Amino acid sequence: MEMIARVTIRGAKTWVGNMDGKQLDTGKIYTDVELRGEDSKGTCTQELKCESSAVVKAIIHNPFPFIAEVSMVETSNGKDKGGQKVVTSIKPLQRAEAEPKKA
């Protein structure tokens, strides 16, 4: 299933190389998500896998954090917690408010 979400991206990283004889080309972004639960308040970051490092390289020049429209595909292996979201494209929209640094 393909979906589009508006997210705050806090960070990103890429890795291209060879591991155990297998060529890998990956990227990840880190987005804000609400903490859930009765005793929880605020946000934390969630790692989202990208289909390749090219998805991240296209936005890495932007100052972080920023708000973006993210297209992703959700897949499942048919089991309860076997779902995975893979980001296919990122469209930066605007700079997000940076939190003030603590002294």
PDB file of N, CA and C in Angstrom:
ATOM      1  N   MET A   1       0.845  -1.164   0.000  1.00  0.00           N
ATOM      2  CA  MET A   1       0.000   0.000   0.000  1.00  0.00           C
ATOM      3  C   MET A   1       0.898   1.237   0.000  1.00  0.00           C
ATOM      4  N   GLU A   2       0.596   2.184  -0.882  1.00  0.00           N
ATOM      5  CA  GLU A   2       1.360   3.426  -0.954  1.00  0.00           C
ATOM      6  C   GLU A   2       0.639   4.498  -0.154  1.00  0.00           C
ATOM      7  N   MET A   3       1.416   5.306   0.579  1.00  0.00           N
ATOM      8  CA  MET A   3       0.811   6.382   1.367  1.00  0.00           C
ATOM      9  C   MET A   3       1.730   7.595   1.384  1.00  0.00           C
ATOM     10  N   ILE A   4       1.128   8.741   1.721  1.00  0.00           N
ATOM     11  CA  ILE A   4       1.859  10.000   1.842  1.00  0.00           C
ATOM     12  C   ILE A   4       1.621  10.529   3.246  1.00  0.00           C
ATOM     13  N   ALA A   5       2.693  10.984   3.890  1.00  0.00           N
ATOM     14  CA  ALA A   5       2.588  11.524   5.243  1.00  0.00           C
ATOM     15  C   ALA A   5       3.382  12.819   5.326  1.00  0.00           C
ATOM     16  N   ARG A   6       2.926  13.721   6.174  1.00  0.00           N
ATOM     17  CA  ARG A   6       3.655  14.952   6.464  1.00  0.00           C
ATOM     18  C   ARG A   6       4.368  14.728   7.794  1.00  0.00           C
ATOM     19  N   VAL A   7       5.690  14.836   7.787  1.00  0.00           N
ATOM     20  CA  VAL A   7       6.486  14.511   8.970  1.00  0.00           C
ATOM     21  C   VAL A   7       7.540  15.584   9.223  1.00  0.00           C
ATOM     22  N   THR A   8       8.050  15.610  10.458  1.00  0.00           N
ATOM     23  CA  THR A   8       9.213  16.424  10.791  1.00  0.00           C
ATOM     24  C   THR A   8      10.419  15.504  10.774  1.00  0.00           C
ATOM     25  N   ILE A   9      11.379  15.814   9.915  1.00  0.00           N
ATOM     26  CA  ILE A   9      12.588  15.004   9.808  1.00  0.00           C
ATOM     27  C   ILE A   9      13.675  15.650  10.654  1.00  0.00           C
ATOM     28  N   ARG A  10      14.204  14.900  11.616  1.00  0.00           N
ATOM     29  CA  ARG A  10      15.233  15.390  12.539  1.00  0.00           C
ATOM     30  C   ARG A  10      16.644  15.032  12.098  1.00  0.00           C
ATOM     31  N   GLY A  11      16.770  13.963  11.326  1.00  0.00           N
ATOM     32  CA  GLY A  11      18.096  13.530  10.899  1.00  0.00           C
ATOM     33  C   GLY A  11      17.995  12.498   9.793  1.00  0.00           C
ATOM     34  N   ALA A  12      19.147  12.185   9.185  1.00  0.00           N
ATOM     35  CA  ALA A  12      19.180  11.213   8.095  1.00  0.00           C
ATOM     36  C   ALA A  12      20.594  10.671   7.972  1.00  0.00           C
ATOM     37  N   LYS A  13      20.696   9.453   7.416  1.00  0.00           N
ATOM     38  CA  LYS A  13      22.015   8.887   7.159  1.00  0.00           C
ATOM     39  C   LYS A  13      21.936   7.919   5.986  1.00  0.00           C
ATOM     40  N   THR A  14      23.096   7.691   5.362  1.00  0.00           N
ATOM     41  CA  THR A  14      23.176   6.761   4.234  1.00  0.00           C
ATOM     42  C   THR A  14      24.318   5.789   4.474  1.00  0.00           C
ATOM     43  N   TRP A  15      24.258   4.683   3.776  1.00  0.00           N
ATOM     44  CA  TRP A  15      25.360   3.730   3.780  1.00  0.00           C
ATOM     45  C   TRP A  15      25.357   2.997   2.456  1.00  0.00           C
ATOM     46  N   VAL A  16      26.491   3.048   1.776  1.00  0.00           N
ATOM     47  CA  VAL A  16      26.673   2.311   0.529  1.00  0.00           C
ATOM     48  C   VAL A  16      27.965   1.526   0.687  1.00  0.00           C
ATOM     49  N   GLY A  17      27.894   0.228   0.470  1.00  0.00           N
ATOM     50  CA  GLY A  17      29.089  -0.585   0.616  1.00  0.00           C
ATOM     51  C   GLY A  17      28.792  -2.056   0.445  1.00  0.00           C
ATOM     52  N   ASN A  18      29.792  -2.859   0.783  1.00  0.00           N
ATOM     53  CA  ASN A  18      29.703  -4.297   0.621  1.00  0.00           C
ATOM     54  C   ASN A  18      29.765  -4.952   1.995  1.00  0.00           C
ATOM     55  N   MET A  19      28.805  -5.805   2.287  1.00  0.00           N
ATOM     56  CA  MET A  19      28.796  -6.522   3.556  1.00  0.00           C
ATOM     57  C   MET A  19      28.548  -7.999   3.271  1.00  0.00           C
ATOM     58  N   ASP A  20      29.467  -8.828   3.704  1.00  0.00           N
ATOM     59  CA  ASP A  20      29.366 -10.278   3.496  1.00  0.00           C
ATOM     60  C   ASP A  20      29.173 -10.629   2.024  1.00  0.00           C
ATOM     61  N   GLY A  21      29.857  -9.906   1.143  1.00  0.00           N
ATOM     62  CA  GLY A  21      29.781 -10.174  -0.283  1.00  0.00           C
ATOM     63  C   GLY A  21      28.534  -9.651  -0.968  1.00  0.00           C
ATOM     64  N   LYS A  22      27.720  -8.920  -0.242  1.00  0.00           N
ATOM     65  CA  LYS A  22      26.470  -8.394  -0.796  1.00  0.00           C
ATOM     66  C   LYS A  22      26.563  -6.871  -0.870  1.00  0.00           C
ATOM     67  N   GLN A  23      26.295  -6.311  -2.052  1.00  0.00           N
ATOM     68  CA  GLN A  23      26.327  -4.861  -2.236  1.00  0.00           C
ATOM     69  C   GLN A  23      25.068  -4.244  -1.624  1.00  0.00           C
ATOM     70  N   LEU A  24      25.243  -3.261  -0.735  1.00  0.00           N
ATOM     71  CA  LEU A  24      24.117  -2.605  -0.072  1.00  0.00           C
ATOM     72  C   LEU A  24      24.113  -1.115  -0.383  1.00  0.00           C
ATOM     73  N   ASP A  25      22.931  -0.560  -0.517  1.00  0.00           N
ATOM     74  CA  ASP A  25      22.725   0.862  -0.791  1.00  0.00           C
ATOM     75  C   ASP A  25      21.492   1.269   0.006  1.00  0.00           C
ATOM     76  N   THR A  26      21.706   1.837   1.197  1.00  0.00           N
ATOM     77  CA  THR A  26      20.582   2.111   2.087  1.00  0.00           C
ATOM     78  C   THR A  26      20.601   3.542   2.600  1.00  0.00           C
ATOM     79  N   GLY A  27      19.461   3.958   3.075  1.00  0.00           N
ATOM     80  CA  GLY A  27      19.321   5.252   3.720  1.00  0.00           C
ATOM     81  C   GLY A  27      18.254   5.159   4.795  1.00  0.00           C
ATOM     82  N   LYS A  28      18.349   6.039   5.784  1.00  0.00           N
ATOM     83  CA  LYS A  28      17.356   6.096   6.854  1.00  0.00           C
ATOM     84  C   LYS A  28      17.089   7.547   7.202  1.00  0.00           C
ATOM     85  N   ILE A  29      15.843   7.820   7.576  1.00  0.00           N
ATOM     86  CA  ILE A  29      15.502   9.135   8.112  1.00  0.00           C
ATOM     87  C   ILE A  29      14.937   8.934   9.510  1.00  0.00           C
ATOM     88  N   TYR A  30      15.014   9.987  10.308  1.00  0.00           N
ATOM     89  CA  TYR A  30      14.531   9.945  11.685  1.00  0.00           C
ATOM     90  C   TYR A  30      13.464  11.019  11.838  1.00  0.00           C
ATOM     91  N   THR A  31      12.236  10.583  12.138  1.00  0.00           N
ATOM     92  CA  THR A  31      11.089  11.487  12.179  1.00  0.00           C
ATOM     93  C   THR A  31      10.482  11.547  13.571  1.00  0.00           C
ATOM     94  N   ASP A  32       9.810  12.665  13.862  1.00  0.00           N
ATOM     95  CA  ASP A  32       9.102  12.812  15.133  1.00  0.00           C
ATOM     96  C   ASP A  32       7.869  11.925  15.163  1.00  0.00           C
ATOM     97  N   VAL A  33       7.631  11.278  16.289  1.00  0.00           N
ATOM     98  CA  VAL A  33       6.389  10.539  16.528  1.00  0.00           C
ATOM     99  C   VAL A  33       5.931  10.829  17.950  1.00  0.00           C
ATOM    100  N   GLU A  34       4.623  10.824  18.146  1.00  0.00           N
ATOM    101  CA  GLU A  34       4.047  11.046  19.471  1.00  0.00           C
ATOM    102  C   GLU A  34       4.272   9.819  20.349  1.00  0.00           C
ATOM    103  N   LEU A  35       4.623  10.052  21.589  1.00  0.00           N
ATOM    104  CA  LEU A  35       4.694   8.951  22.550  1.00  0.00           C
ATOM    105  C   LEU A  35       3.279   8.541  22.912  1.00  0.00           C
ATOM    106  N   ARG A  36       3.048   7.251  23.014  1.00  0.00           N
ATOM    107  CA  ARG A  36       1.703   6.793  23.344  1.00  0.00           C
ATOM    108  C   ARG A  36       1.740   6.139  24.718  1.00  0.00           C
ATOM    109  N   GLY A  37       0.617   6.212  25.394  1.00  0.00           N
ATOM    110  CA  GLY A  37       0.515   5.603  26.711  1.00  0.00           C
ATOM    111  C   GLY A  37       0.043   6.608  27.731  1.00  0.00           C
ATOM    112  N   GLU A  38      -0.572   6.088  28.741  1.00  0.00           N
ATOM    113  CA  GLU A  38      -1.155   6.923  29.783  1.00  0.00           C
ATOM    114  C   GLU A  38      -0.116   7.771  30.508  1.00  0.00           C
ATOM    115  N   ASP A  39       1.069   7.217  30.716  1.00  0.00           N
ATOM    116  CA  ASP A  39       2.108   7.919  31.465  1.00  0.00           C
ATOM    117  C   ASP A  39       3.149   8.573  30.560  1.00  0.00           C
ATOM    118  N   SER A  40       2.829   8.738  29.280  1.00  0.00           N
ATOM    119  CA  SER A  40       3.784   9.306  28.324  1.00  0.00           C
ATOM    120  C   SER A  40       3.310  10.663  27.837  1.00  0.00           C
ATOM    121  N   LYS A  41       4.277  11.509  27.538  1.00  0.00           N
ATOM    122  CA  LYS A  41       3.963  12.838  27.032  1.00  0.00           C
ATOM    123  C   LYS A  41       5.114  13.283  26.140  1.00  0.00           C
ATOM    124  N   GLY A  42       4.792  13.904  25.015  1.00  0.00           N
ATOM    125  CA  GLY A  42       5.826  14.437  24.143  1.00  0.00           C
ATOM    126  C   GLY A  42       6.080  13.588  22.919  1.00  0.00           C
ATOM    127  N   THR A  43       7.284  13.744  22.374  1.00  0.00           N
ATOM    128  CA  THR A  43       7.643  13.042  21.143  1.00  0.00           C
ATOM    129  C   THR A  43       8.999  12.359  21.281  1.00  0.00           C
ATOM    130  N   CYS A  44       9.250  11.456  20.367  1.00  0.00           N
ATOM    131  CA  CYS A  44      10.565  10.836  20.220  1.00  0.00           C
ATOM    132  C   CYS A  44      10.799  10.664  18.722  1.00  0.00           C
ATOM    133  N   THR A  45      11.954  10.155  18.331  1.00  0.00           N
ATOM    134  CA  THR A  45      12.185   9.942  16.905  1.00  0.00           C
ATOM    135  C   THR A  45      12.023   8.473  16.554  1.00  0.00           C
ATOM    136  N   GLN A  46      11.597   8.254  15.309  1.00  0.00           N
ATOM    137  CA  GLN A  46      11.406   6.908  14.777  1.00  0.00           C
ATOM    138  C   GLN A  46      12.244   6.782  13.516  1.00  0.00           C
ATOM    139  N   GLU A  47      12.918   5.670  13.367  1.00  0.00           N
ATOM    140  CA  GLU A  47      13.729   5.410  12.186  1.00  0.00           C
ATOM    141  C   GLU A  47      12.848   4.856  11.070  1.00  0.00           C
ATOM    142  N   LEU A  48      12.961   5.435   9.882  1.00  0.00           N
ATOM    143  CA  LEU A  48      12.255   4.924   8.706  1.00  0.00           C
ATOM    144  C   LEU A  48      13.284   4.575   7.638  1.00  0.00           C
ATOM    145  N   LYS A  49      13.183   3.380   7.094  1.00  0.00           N
ATOM    146  CA  LYS A  49      14.097   2.910   6.055  1.00  0.00           C
ATOM    147  C   LYS A  49      13.713   3.531   4.712  1.00  0.00           C
ATOM    148  N   CYS A  50      14.720   3.912   3.929  1.00  0.00           N
ATOM    149  CA  CYS A  50      14.500   4.438   2.585  1.00  0.00           C
ATOM    150  C   CYS A  50      14.881   3.370   1.567  1.00  0.00           C
ATOM    151  N   GLU A  51      14.292   3.443   0.368  1.00  0.00           N
ATOM    152  CA  GLU A  51      14.550   2.402  -0.624  1.00  0.00           C
ATOM    153  C   GLU A  51      15.989   2.412  -1.128  1.00  0.00           C
ATOM    154  N   SER A  52      16.668   3.557  -1.038  1.00  0.00           N
ATOM    155  CA  SER A  52      18.083   3.635  -1.414  1.00  0.00           C
ATOM    156  C   SER A  52      18.692   4.899  -0.808  1.00  0.00           C
ATOM    157  N   SER A  53      20.013   4.993  -0.884  1.00  0.00           N
ATOM    158  CA  SER A  53      20.695   6.183  -0.373  1.00  0.00           C
ATOM    159  C   SER A  53      20.341   7.422  -1.190  1.00  0.00           C
ATOM    160  N   ALA A  54      19.924   7.247  -2.438  1.00  0.00           N
ATOM    161  CA  ALA A  54      19.573   8.383  -3.302  1.00  0.00           C
ATOM    162  C   ALA A  54      18.416   9.189  -2.723  1.00  0.00           C
ATOM    163  N   VAL A  55      17.490   8.534  -2.040  1.00  0.00           N
ATOM    164  CA  VAL A  55      16.350   9.233  -1.424  1.00  0.00           C
ATOM    165  C   VAL A  55      16.866  10.212  -0.371  1.00  0.00           C
ATOM    166  N   VAL A  56      17.826   9.785   0.435  1.00  0.00           N
ATOM    167  CA  VAL A  56      18.388  10.644   1.486  1.00  0.00           C
ATOM    168  C   VAL A  56      19.323  11.692   0.888  1.00  0.00           C
ATOM    169  N   LYS A  57      20.143  11.296  -0.068  1.00  0.00           N
ATOM    170  CA  LYS A  57      21.090  12.243  -0.671  1.00  0.00           C
ATOM    171  C   LYS A  57      20.383  13.431  -1.316  1.00  0.00           C
ATOM    172  N   ALA A  58      19.149  13.237  -1.757  1.00  0.00           N
ATOM    173  CA  ALA A  58      18.387  14.320  -2.384  1.00  0.00           C
ATOM    174  C   ALA A  58      17.974  15.400  -1.385  1.00  0.00           C
ATOM    175  N   ILE A  59      17.957  15.082  -0.078  1.00  0.00           N
ATOM    176  CA  ILE A  59      17.498  16.059   0.923  1.00  0.00           C
ATOM    177  C   ILE A  59      18.557  16.389   1.972  1.00  0.00           C
ATOM    178  N   ILE A  60      19.706  15.751   1.927  1.00  0.00           N
ATOM    179  CA  ILE A  60      20.698  15.888   2.996  1.00  0.00           C
ATOM    180  C   ILE A  60      21.257  17.316   3.100  1.00  0.00           C
ATOM    181  N   HIS A  61      21.157  18.110   2.040  1.00  0.00           N
ATOM    182  CA  HIS A  61      21.666  19.488   2.047  1.00  0.00           C
ATOM    183  C   HIS A  61      20.758  20.444   2.834  1.00  0.00           C
ATOM    184  N   ASN A  62      19.530  20.028   3.133  1.00  0.00           N
ATOM    185  CA  ASN A  62      18.589  20.885   3.864  1.00  0.00           C
ATOM    186  C   ASN A  62      19.006  21.024   5.325  1.00  0.00           C
ATOM    187  N   PRO A  63      18.775  22.199   5.933  1.00  0.00           N
ATOM    188  CA  PRO A  63      19.039  22.337   7.369  1.00  0.00           C
ATOM    189  C   PRO A  63      17.983  21.544   8.153  1.00  0.00           C
ATOM    190  N   PHE A  64      18.443  20.805   9.140  1.00  0.00           N
ATOM    191  CA  PHE A  64      17.542  19.996   9.969  1.00  0.00           C
ATOM    192  C   PHE A  64      17.188  20.758  11.226  1.00  0.00           C
ATOM    193  N   PRO A  65      16.016  20.553  11.805  1.00  0.00           N
ATOM    194  CA  PRO A  65      14.898  19.738  11.337  1.00  0.00           C
ATOM    195  C   PRO A  65      14.088  20.481  10.275  1.00  0.00           C
ATOM    196  N   PHE A  66      13.344  19.717   9.462  1.00  0.00           N
ATOM    197  CA  PHE A  66      12.444  20.325   8.488  1.00  0.00           C
ATOM    198  C   PHE A  66      11.209  19.448   8.309  1.00  0.00           C
ATOM    199  N   ILE A  67      10.148  20.098   7.840  1.00  0.00           N
ATOM    200  CA  ILE A  67       8.887  19.396   7.595  1.00  0.00           C
ATOM    201  C   ILE A  67       8.884  18.964   6.135  1.00  0.00           C
ATOM    202  N   ALA A  68       8.455  17.728   5.890  1.00  0.00           N
ATOM    203  CA  ALA A  68       8.474  17.188   4.528  1.00  0.00           C
ATOM    204  C   ALA A  68       7.254  16.318   4.274  1.00  0.00           C
ATOM    205  N   GLU A  69       6.959  16.176   3.001  1.00  0.00           N
ATOM    206  CA  GLU A  69       5.942  15.229   2.559  1.00  0.00           C
ATOM    207  C   GLU A  69       6.698  13.973   2.124  1.00  0.00           C
ATOM    208  N   VAL A  70       6.389  12.865   2.773  1.00  0.00           N
ATOM    209  CA  VAL A  70       7.107  11.617   2.550  1.00  0.00           C
ATOM    210  C   VAL A  70       6.173  10.599   1.900  1.00  0.00           C
ATOM    211  N   SER A  71       6.605  10.037   0.783  1.00  0.00           N
ATOM    212  CA  SER A  71       5.863   8.942   0.145  1.00  0.00           C
ATOM    213  C   SER A  71       6.497   7.639   0.594  1.00  0.00           C
ATOM    214  N   MET A  72       5.665   6.686   0.982  1.00  0.00           N
ATOM    215  CA  MET A  72       6.202   5.401   1.414  1.00  0.00           C
ATOM    216  C   MET A  72       5.280   4.263   1.022  1.00  0.00           C
ATOM    217  N   VAL A  73       5.866   3.094   0.966  1.00  0.00           N
ATOM    218  CA  VAL A  73       5.140   1.872   0.660  1.00  0.00           C
ATOM    219  C   VAL A  73       5.174   1.014   1.914  1.00  0.00           C
ATOM    220  N   GLU A  74       4.016   0.473   2.286  1.00  0.00           N
ATOM    221  CA  GLU A  74       3.957  -0.418   3.445  1.00  0.00           C
ATOM    222  C   GLU A  74       3.780  -1.841   2.950  1.00  0.00           C
ATOM    223  N   THR A  75       4.639  -2.721   3.451  1.00  0.00           N
ATOM    224  CA  THR A  75       4.564  -4.129   3.081  1.00  0.00           C
ATOM    225  C   THR A  75       4.412  -4.971   4.339  1.00  0.00           C
ATOM    226  N   SER A  76       3.980  -6.199   4.167  1.00  0.00           N
ATOM    227  CA  SER A  76       3.798  -7.099   5.302  1.00  0.00           C
ATOM    228  C   SER A  76       4.141  -8.519   4.887  1.00  0.00           C
ATOM    229  N   ASN A  77       4.576  -9.299   5.867  1.00  0.00           N
ATOM    230  CA  ASN A  77       4.817 -10.714   5.610  1.00  0.00           C
ATOM    231  C   ASN A  77       3.596 -11.547   6.006  1.00  0.00           C
ATOM    232  N   GLY A  78       2.502 -10.870   6.350  1.00  0.00           N
ATOM    233  CA  GLY A  78       1.268 -11.557   6.703  1.00  0.00           C
ATOM    234  C   GLY A  78       1.117 -11.861   8.178  1.00  0.00           C
ATOM    235  N   LYS A  79       2.125 -11.523   8.976  1.00  0.00           N
ATOM    236  CA  LYS A  79       2.052 -11.754  10.416  1.00  0.00           C
ATOM    237  C   LYS A  79       1.710 -10.447  11.116  1.00  0.00           C
ATOM    238  N   ASP A  80       1.308 -10.547  12.388  1.00  0.00           N
ATOM    239  CA  ASP A  80       0.862  -9.378  13.147  1.00  0.00           C
ATOM    240  C   ASP A  80       1.831  -8.204  13.099  1.00  0.00           C
ATOM    241  N   LYS A  81       3.070  -8.410  13.488  1.00  0.00           N
ATOM    242  CA  LYS A  81       4.018  -7.302  13.584  1.00  0.00           C
ATOM    243  C   LYS A  81       5.078  -7.375  12.496  1.00  0.00           C
ATOM    244  N   GLY A  82       4.710  -7.938  11.358  1.00  0.00           N
ATOM    245  CA  GLY A  82       5.672  -8.100  10.280  1.00  0.00           C
ATOM    246  C   GLY A  82       5.675  -6.972   9.272  1.00  0.00           C
ATOM    247  N   GLY A  83       4.908  -5.904   9.516  1.00  0.00           N
ATOM    248  CA  GLY A  83       4.820  -4.803   8.563  1.00  0.00           C
ATOM    249  C   GLY A  83       6.075  -3.957   8.530  1.00  0.00           C
ATOM    250  N   GLN A  84       6.359  -3.383   7.369  1.00  0.00           N
ATOM    251  CA  GLN A  84       7.517  -2.519   7.218  1.00  0.00           C
ATOM    252  C   GLN A  84       7.156  -1.373   6.283  1.00  0.00           C
ATOM    253  N   LYS A  85       7.565  -0.160   6.662  1.00  0.00           N
ATOM    254  CA  LYS A  85       7.362   1.015   5.817  1.00  0.00           C
ATOM    255  C   LYS A  85       8.697   1.364   5.173  1.00  0.00           C
ATOM    256  N   VAL A  86       8.679   1.603   3.858  1.00  0.00           N
ATOM    257  CA  VAL A  86       9.887   1.970   3.123  1.00  0.00           C
ATOM    258  C   VAL A  86       9.616   3.283   2.398  1.00  0.00           C
ATOM    259  N   VAL A  87      10.437   4.294   2.687  1.00  0.00           N
ATOM    260  CA  VAL A  87      10.281   5.620   2.085  1.00  0.00           C
ATOM    261  C   VAL A  87      10.788   5.579   0.645  1.00  0.00           C
ATOM    262  N   THR A  88       9.953   6.061  -0.280  1.00  0.00           N
ATOM    263  CA  THR A  88      10.320   6.069  -1.701  1.00  0.00           C
ATOM    264  C   THR A  88      10.679   7.464  -2.209  1.00  0.00           C
ATOM    265  N   SER A  89      10.158   8.522  -1.558  1.00  0.00           N
ATOM    266  CA  SER A  89      10.527   9.889  -1.940  1.00  0.00           C
ATOM    267  C   SER A  89      10.246  10.846  -0.790  1.00  0.00           C
ATOM    268  N   ILE A  90      10.991  11.959  -0.793  1.00  0.00           N
ATOM    269  CA  ILE A  90      10.849  12.986   0.244  1.00  0.00           C
ATOM    270  C   ILE A  90      10.791  14.340  -0.446  1.00  0.00           C
ATOM    271  N   LYS A  91       9.759  15.125  -0.106  1.00  0.00           N
ATOM    272  CA  LYS A  91       9.609  16.473  -0.665  1.00  0.00           C
ATOM    273  C   LYS A  91       9.657  17.475   0.493  1.00  0.00           C
ATOM    274  N   PRO A  92      10.785  18.195   0.676  1.00  0.00           N
ATOM    275  CA  PRO A  92      10.870  19.187   1.748  1.00  0.00           C
ATOM    276  C   PRO A  92       9.826  20.286   1.552  1.00  0.00           C
ATOM    277  N   LEU A  93       9.178  20.702   2.648  1.00  0.00           N
ATOM    278  CA  LEU A  93       8.150  21.737   2.583  1.00  0.00           C
ATOM    279  C   LEU A  93       8.588  23.024   3.271  1.00  0.00           C
ATOM    280  N   GLN A  94       9.080  22.919   4.504  1.00  0.00           N
ATOM    281  CA  GLN A  94       9.499  24.116   5.238  1.00  0.00           C
ATOM    282  C   GLN A  94      10.397  23.730   6.396  1.00  0.00           C
ATOM    283  N   ARG A  95      11.139  24.711   6.865  1.00  0.00           N
ATOM    284  CA  ARG A  95      12.006  24.507   8.024  1.00  0.00           C
ATOM    285  C   ARG A  95      11.142  24.366   9.255  1.00  0.00           C
ATOM    286  N   ALA A  96      11.463  23.412  10.118  1.00  0.00           N
ATOM    287  CA  ALA A  96      10.730  23.225  11.375  1.00  0.00           C
ATOM    288  C   ALA A  96      11.360  24.093  12.451  1.00  0.00           C
ATOM    289  N   GLU A  97      10.571  24.403  13.453  1.00  0.00           N
ATOM    290  CA  GLU A  97      11.078  25.167  14.592  1.00  0.00           C
ATOM    291  C   GLU A  97      12.105  24.323  15.337  1.00  0.00           C
ATOM    292  N   ALA A  98      13.298  24.836  15.477  1.00  0.00           N
ATOM    293  CA  ALA A  98      14.314  24.133  16.257  1.00  0.00           C
ATOM    294  C   ALA A  98      14.049  24.383  17.729  1.00  0.00           C
ATOM    295  N   GLU A  99      14.258  23.365  18.532  1.00  0.00           N
ATOM    296  CA  GLU A  99      14.050  23.534  19.970  1.00  0.00           C
ATOM    297  C   GLU A  99      15.224  24.310  20.540  1.00  0.00           C
ATOM    298  N   PRO A 100      14.951  25.217  21.506  1.00  0.00           N
ATOM    299  CA  PRO A 100      16.040  26.005  22.078  1.00  0.00           C
ATOM    300  C   PRO A 100      17.048  25.112  22.789  1.00  0.00           C
ATOM    301  N   LYS A 101      18.327  25.477  22.657  1.00  0.00           N
ATOM    302  CA  LYS A 101      19.379  24.707  23.325  1.00  0.00           C
ATOM    303  C   LYS A 101      19.356  25.000  24.813  1.00  0.00           C
ATOM    304  N   LYS A 102      19.562  23.948  25.600  1.00  0.00           N
ATOM    305  CA  LYS A 102      19.566  24.100  27.059  1.00  0.00           C
ATOM    306  C   LYS A 102      20.959  24.497  27.520  1.00  0.00           C
ATOM    307  N   ALA A 103      21.008  25.381  28.486  1.00  0.00           N
ATOM    308  CA  ALA A 103      22.293  25.864  28.989  1.00  0.00           C
ATOM    309  C   ALA A 103      22.934  24.882  29.922  1.00  0.00           C
TER     310      ALA A 103
END
